[in-house]
Amino acid sequence: MAANNEIQVLRREVRRLKWALGVLGVGLLAVFLVGAGGSVHRDLTVRKLTLIDDQGRSRVVLFSKPDEMAGAAFIDPEGRNRIQIATAIAAQGDYAGIQLRDVNGAHRIDLKVRDTEAFAGLGDHEGNAVSHWKHSGKKQ
């Protein structure tokens, strides 16, 4: 009989333990879900953001330089800057532009807007301007 009573006591303890573990599991799940919902970030603030490929190579770089330039650079698998989009303050004034470079880094296509003027240029394989167009932005 004593053994039978001990078995009954152990069974009650096992049921209480299972119940307590279930409550603990539900409580941890609730804390996790509430915590995960509250930790959604709406803003990300960095000076530079680099996207890499599956081999760890930089492929897209979003950047800013204080009082100078902000933009995006698209980099080929060899690490060469092929496309750059930027807005900047330069000696000739504020501008926004897009530059496309060949595999040797030469500027082949250059588009810029400065003030009300628009510029478009084509370059040769050394980056020298071979065709250039400028529009003042004023009605003719």
C-alpha atoms as a PDB file:
ATOM      1  CA  MET A   1       0.000   0.000   0.000  1.00  0.00           C
ATOM      2  CA  ALA A   2       2.768   2.413   0.762  1.00  0.00           C
ATOM      3  CA  ALA A   3       4.181   1.816  -2.702  1.00  0.00           C
ATOM      4  CA  ASN A   4       0.745   2.447  -4.229  1.00  0.00           C
ATOM      5  CA  ASN A   5       0.430   5.773  -2.360  1.00  0.00           C
ATOM      6  CA  GLU A   6       3.905   6.816  -3.493  1.00  0.00           C
ATOM      7  CA  ILE A   7       2.994   6.072  -7.122  1.00  0.00           C
ATOM      8  CA  GLN A   8      -0.157   8.204  -6.787  1.00  0.00           C
ATOM      9  CA  VAL A   9       1.898  11.075  -5.309  1.00  0.00           C
ATOM     10  CA  LEU A  10       4.449  10.806  -8.150  1.00  0.00           C
ATOM     11  CA  ARG A  11       1.657  10.834 -10.757  1.00  0.00           C
ATOM     12  CA  ARG A  12       0.182  14.025  -9.242  1.00  0.00           C
ATOM     13  CA  GLU A  13       3.630  15.646  -9.236  1.00  0.00           C
ATOM     14  CA  VAL A  14       4.190  14.694 -12.886  1.00  0.00           C
ATOM     15  CA  ARG A  15       0.788  16.211 -13.836  1.00  0.00           C
ATOM     16  CA  ARG A  16       1.621  19.428 -11.953  1.00  0.00           C
ATOM     17  CA  LEU A  17       5.046  19.561 -13.606  1.00  0.00           C
ATOM     18  CA  LYS A  18       3.535  19.088 -17.085  1.00  0.00           C
ATOM     19  CA  TRP A  19       0.956  21.782 -16.357  1.00  0.00           C
ATOM     20  CA  ALA A  20       3.629  24.180 -15.070  1.00  0.00           C
ATOM     21  CA  LEU A  21       5.837  23.560 -18.132  1.00  0.00           C
ATOM     22  CA  GLY A  22       2.865  24.168 -20.441  1.00  0.00           C
ATOM     23  CA  VAL A  23       2.060  27.467 -18.726  1.00  0.00           C
ATOM     24  CA  LEU A  24       5.734  28.449 -18.852  1.00  0.00           C
ATOM     25  CA  GLY A  25       5.904  27.605 -22.583  1.00  0.00           C
ATOM     26  CA  VAL A  26       2.795  29.661 -23.361  1.00  0.00           C
ATOM     27  CA  GLY A  27       4.161  32.532 -21.279  1.00  0.00           C
ATOM     28  CA  LEU A  28       7.524  32.460 -23.089  1.00  0.00           C
ATOM     29  CA  LEU A  29       5.773  32.369 -26.457  1.00  0.00           C
ATOM     30  CA  ALA A  30       3.632  35.364 -25.483  1.00  0.00           C
ATOM     31  CA  VAL A  31       6.686  37.313 -24.324  1.00  0.00           C
ATOM     32  CA  PHE A  32       8.501  36.474 -27.563  1.00  0.00           C
ATOM     33  CA  LEU A  33       5.573  37.520 -29.765  1.00  0.00           C
ATOM     34  CA  VAL A  34       4.981  40.758 -27.886  1.00  0.00           C
ATOM     35  CA  GLY A  35       8.698  41.515 -27.883  1.00  0.00           C
ATOM     36  CA  ALA A  36       9.079  40.752 -31.586  1.00  0.00           C
ATOM     37  CA  GLY A  37       6.120  42.967 -32.435  1.00  0.00           C
ATOM     38  CA  GLY A  38       7.501  45.826 -30.374  1.00  0.00           C
ATOM     39  CA  SER A  39      10.998  45.647 -31.843  1.00  0.00           C
ATOM     40  CA  VAL A  40      10.059  46.492 -35.440  1.00  0.00           C
ATOM     41  CA  HIS A  41      12.319  49.325 -36.519  1.00  0.00           C
ATOM     42  CA  ARG A  42      10.810  51.887 -38.799  1.00  0.00           C
ATOM     43  CA  ASP A  43      14.029  53.841 -39.409  1.00  0.00           C
ATOM     44  CA  LEU A  44      17.581  52.772 -40.094  1.00  0.00           C
ATOM     45  CA  THR A  45      20.246  55.432 -39.820  1.00  0.00           C
ATOM     46  CA  VAL A  46      23.741  54.742 -41.078  1.00  0.00           C
ATOM     47  CA  ARG A  47      26.455  56.728 -42.860  1.00  0.00           C
ATOM     48  CA  LYS A  48      27.075  54.002 -45.412  1.00  0.00           C
ATOM     49  CA  LEU A  49      25.159  50.854 -46.363  1.00  0.00           C
ATOM     50  CA  THR A  50      26.801  48.131 -48.415  1.00  0.00           C
ATOM     51  CA  LEU A  51      24.937  45.251 -50.037  1.00  0.00           C
ATOM     52  CA  ILE A  52      27.134  42.250 -50.701  1.00  0.00           C
ATOM     53  CA  ASP A  53      26.732  39.202 -52.913  1.00  0.00           C
ATOM     54  CA  ASP A  54      26.881  35.594 -51.770  1.00  0.00           C
ATOM     55  CA  GLN A  55      30.684  35.677 -52.020  1.00  0.00           C
ATOM     56  CA  GLY A  56      31.009  38.711 -49.716  1.00  0.00           C
ATOM     57  CA  ARG A  57      31.834  41.202 -52.489  1.00  0.00           C
ATOM     58  CA  SER A  58      30.399  44.740 -52.308  1.00  0.00           C
ATOM     59  CA  ARG A  59      27.851  45.194 -55.077  1.00  0.00           C
ATOM     60  CA  VAL A  60      25.732  48.211 -54.101  1.00  0.00           C
ATOM     61  CA  VAL A  61      26.909  50.996 -51.804  1.00  0.00           C
ATOM     62  CA  LEU A  62      24.642  53.763 -50.507  1.00  0.00           C
ATOM     63  CA  PHE A  63      26.799  56.542 -49.130  1.00  0.00           C
ATOM     64  CA  SER A  64      26.923  60.115 -47.927  1.00  0.00           C
ATOM     65  CA  LYS A  65      29.758  62.512 -47.249  1.00  0.00           C
ATOM     66  CA  PRO A  66      29.102  65.479 -44.938  1.00  0.00           C
ATOM     67  CA  ASP A  67      28.269  68.698 -46.851  1.00  0.00           C
ATOM     68  CA  GLU A  68      29.504  67.114 -50.042  1.00  0.00           C
ATOM     69  CA  MET A  69      27.809  64.143 -51.699  1.00  0.00           C
ATOM     70  CA  ALA A  70      25.166  61.467 -51.267  1.00  0.00           C
ATOM     71  CA  GLY A  71      24.517  58.676 -53.682  1.00  0.00           C
ATOM     72  CA  ALA A  72      24.586  55.073 -54.728  1.00  0.00           C
ATOM     73  CA  ALA A  73      27.319  53.123 -56.467  1.00  0.00           C
ATOM     74  CA  PHE A  74      26.712  49.880 -58.342  1.00  0.00           C
ATOM     75  CA  ILE A  75      29.823  47.744 -58.443  1.00  0.00           C
ATOM     76  CA  ASP A  76      30.617  44.862 -60.794  1.00  0.00           C
ATOM     77  CA  PRO A  77      31.903  41.473 -59.562  1.00  0.00           C
ATOM     78  CA  GLU A  78      35.503  42.651 -60.110  1.00  0.00           C
ATOM     79  CA  GLY A  79      35.010  45.561 -57.675  1.00  0.00           C
ATOM     80  CA  ARG A  80      34.782  48.304 -60.315  1.00  0.00           C
ATOM     81  CA  ASN A  81      32.304  51.165 -59.867  1.00  0.00           C
ATOM     82  CA  ARG A  82      30.168  50.920 -63.008  1.00  0.00           C
ATOM     83  CA  ILE A  83      27.168  53.121 -62.227  1.00  0.00           C
ATOM     84  CA  GLN A  84      27.041  56.030 -59.811  1.00  0.00           C
ATOM     85  CA  ILE A  85      24.017  58.134 -58.959  1.00  0.00           C
ATOM     86  CA  ALA A  86      24.694  61.150 -56.774  1.00  0.00           C
ATOM     87  CA  THR A  87      23.722  64.584 -55.646  1.00  0.00           C
ATOM     88  CA  ALA A  88      26.605  66.803 -54.636  1.00  0.00           C
ATOM     89  CA  ILE A  89      28.046  70.211 -54.045  1.00  0.00           C
ATOM     90  CA  ALA A  90      30.888  70.901 -56.441  1.00  0.00           C
ATOM     91  CA  ALA A  91      33.009  73.897 -57.399  1.00  0.00           C
ATOM     92  CA  GLN A  92      30.570  74.664 -60.245  1.00  0.00           C
ATOM     93  CA  GLY A  93      27.489  74.407 -57.985  1.00  0.00           C
ATOM     94  CA  ASP A  94      25.014  71.878 -56.696  1.00  0.00           C
ATOM     95  CA  TYR A  95      24.173  69.040 -59.050  1.00  0.00           C
ATOM     96  CA  ALA A  96      22.452  65.700 -59.389  1.00  0.00           C
ATOM     97  CA  GLY A  97      23.853  63.196 -61.819  1.00  0.00           C
ATOM     98  CA  ILE A  98      24.319  59.720 -63.165  1.00  0.00           C
ATOM     99  CA  GLN A  99      27.619  58.384 -64.460  1.00  0.00           C
ATOM    100  CA  LEU A 100      28.120  55.115 -66.311  1.00  0.00           C
ATOM    101  CA  ARG A 101      31.636  53.720 -66.596  1.00  0.00           C
ATOM    102  CA  ASP A 102      33.109  50.979 -68.745  1.00  0.00           C
ATOM    103  CA  VAL A 103      35.134  48.038 -67.388  1.00  0.00           C
ATOM    104  CA  ASN A 104      38.274  50.227 -67.360  1.00  0.00           C
ATOM    105  CA  GLY A 105      36.615  52.912 -65.213  1.00  0.00           C
ATOM    106  CA  ALA A 106      36.341  55.488 -68.026  1.00  0.00           C
ATOM    107  CA  HIS A 107      33.232  57.713 -67.912  1.00  0.00           C
ATOM    108  CA  ARG A 108      31.269  56.735 -70.983  1.00  0.00           C
ATOM    109  CA  ILE A 109      27.923  58.382 -70.232  1.00  0.00           C
ATOM    110  CA  ASP A 110      27.534  61.375 -67.938  1.00  0.00           C
ATOM    111  CA  LEU A 111      24.168  63.002 -67.197  1.00  0.00           C
ATOM    112  CA  LYS A 112      23.898  65.969 -64.841  1.00  0.00           C
ATOM    113  CA  VAL A 113      21.405  68.594 -63.796  1.00  0.00           C
ATOM    114  CA  ARG A 114      22.869  71.738 -62.255  1.00  0.00           C
ATOM    115  CA  ASP A 115      20.550  74.566 -61.265  1.00  0.00           C
ATOM    116  CA  THR A 116      18.222  74.764 -64.304  1.00  0.00           C
ATOM    117  CA  GLU A 117      20.808  73.446 -66.772  1.00  0.00           C
ATOM    118  CA  ALA A 118      20.983  69.899 -68.095  1.00  0.00           C
ATOM    119  CA  PHE A 119      24.169  68.248 -69.352  1.00  0.00           C
ATOM    120  CA  ALA A 120      24.711  65.026 -71.251  1.00  0.00           C
ATOM    121  CA  GLY A 121      28.054  63.722 -72.375  1.00  0.00           C
ATOM    122  CA  LEU A 122      29.496  60.686 -74.072  1.00  0.00           C
ATOM    123  CA  GLY A 123      33.092  59.666 -73.533  1.00  0.00           C
ATOM    124  CA  ASP A 124      35.595  57.554 -75.424  1.00  0.00           C
ATOM    125  CA  HIS A 125      37.431  54.556 -73.994  1.00  0.00           C
ATOM    126  CA  GLU A 126      39.755  56.904 -72.067  1.00  0.00           C
ATOM    127  CA  GLY A 127      36.928  58.972 -70.622  1.00  0.00           C
ATOM    128  CA  ASN A 128      37.548  61.977 -72.914  1.00  0.00           C
ATOM    129  CA  ALA A 129      34.381  63.797 -73.985  1.00  0.00           C
ATOM    130  CA  VAL A 130      33.540  63.029 -77.610  1.00  0.00           C
ATOM    131  CA  SER A 131      30.016  64.391 -77.620  1.00  0.00           C
ATOM    132  CA  HIS A 132      28.575  66.916 -75.242  1.00  0.00           C
ATOM    133  CA  TRP A 133      25.160  68.501 -74.994  1.00  0.00           C
ATOM    134  CA  LYS A 134      24.049  71.295 -72.697  1.00  0.00           C
ATOM    135  CA  HIS A 135      20.671  72.911 -72.270  1.00  0.00           C
ATOM    136  CA  SER A 136      20.231  76.077 -70.237  1.00  0.00           C
ATOM    137  CA  GLY A 137      16.740  75.153 -69.088  1.00  0.00           C
ATOM    138  CA  LYS A 138      15.481  78.504 -70.325  1.00  0.00           C
ATOM    139  CA  LYS A 139      12.870  78.850 -73.062  1.00  0.00           C
ATOM    140  CA  GLN A 140      14.468  79.669 -76.366  1.00  0.00           C
END
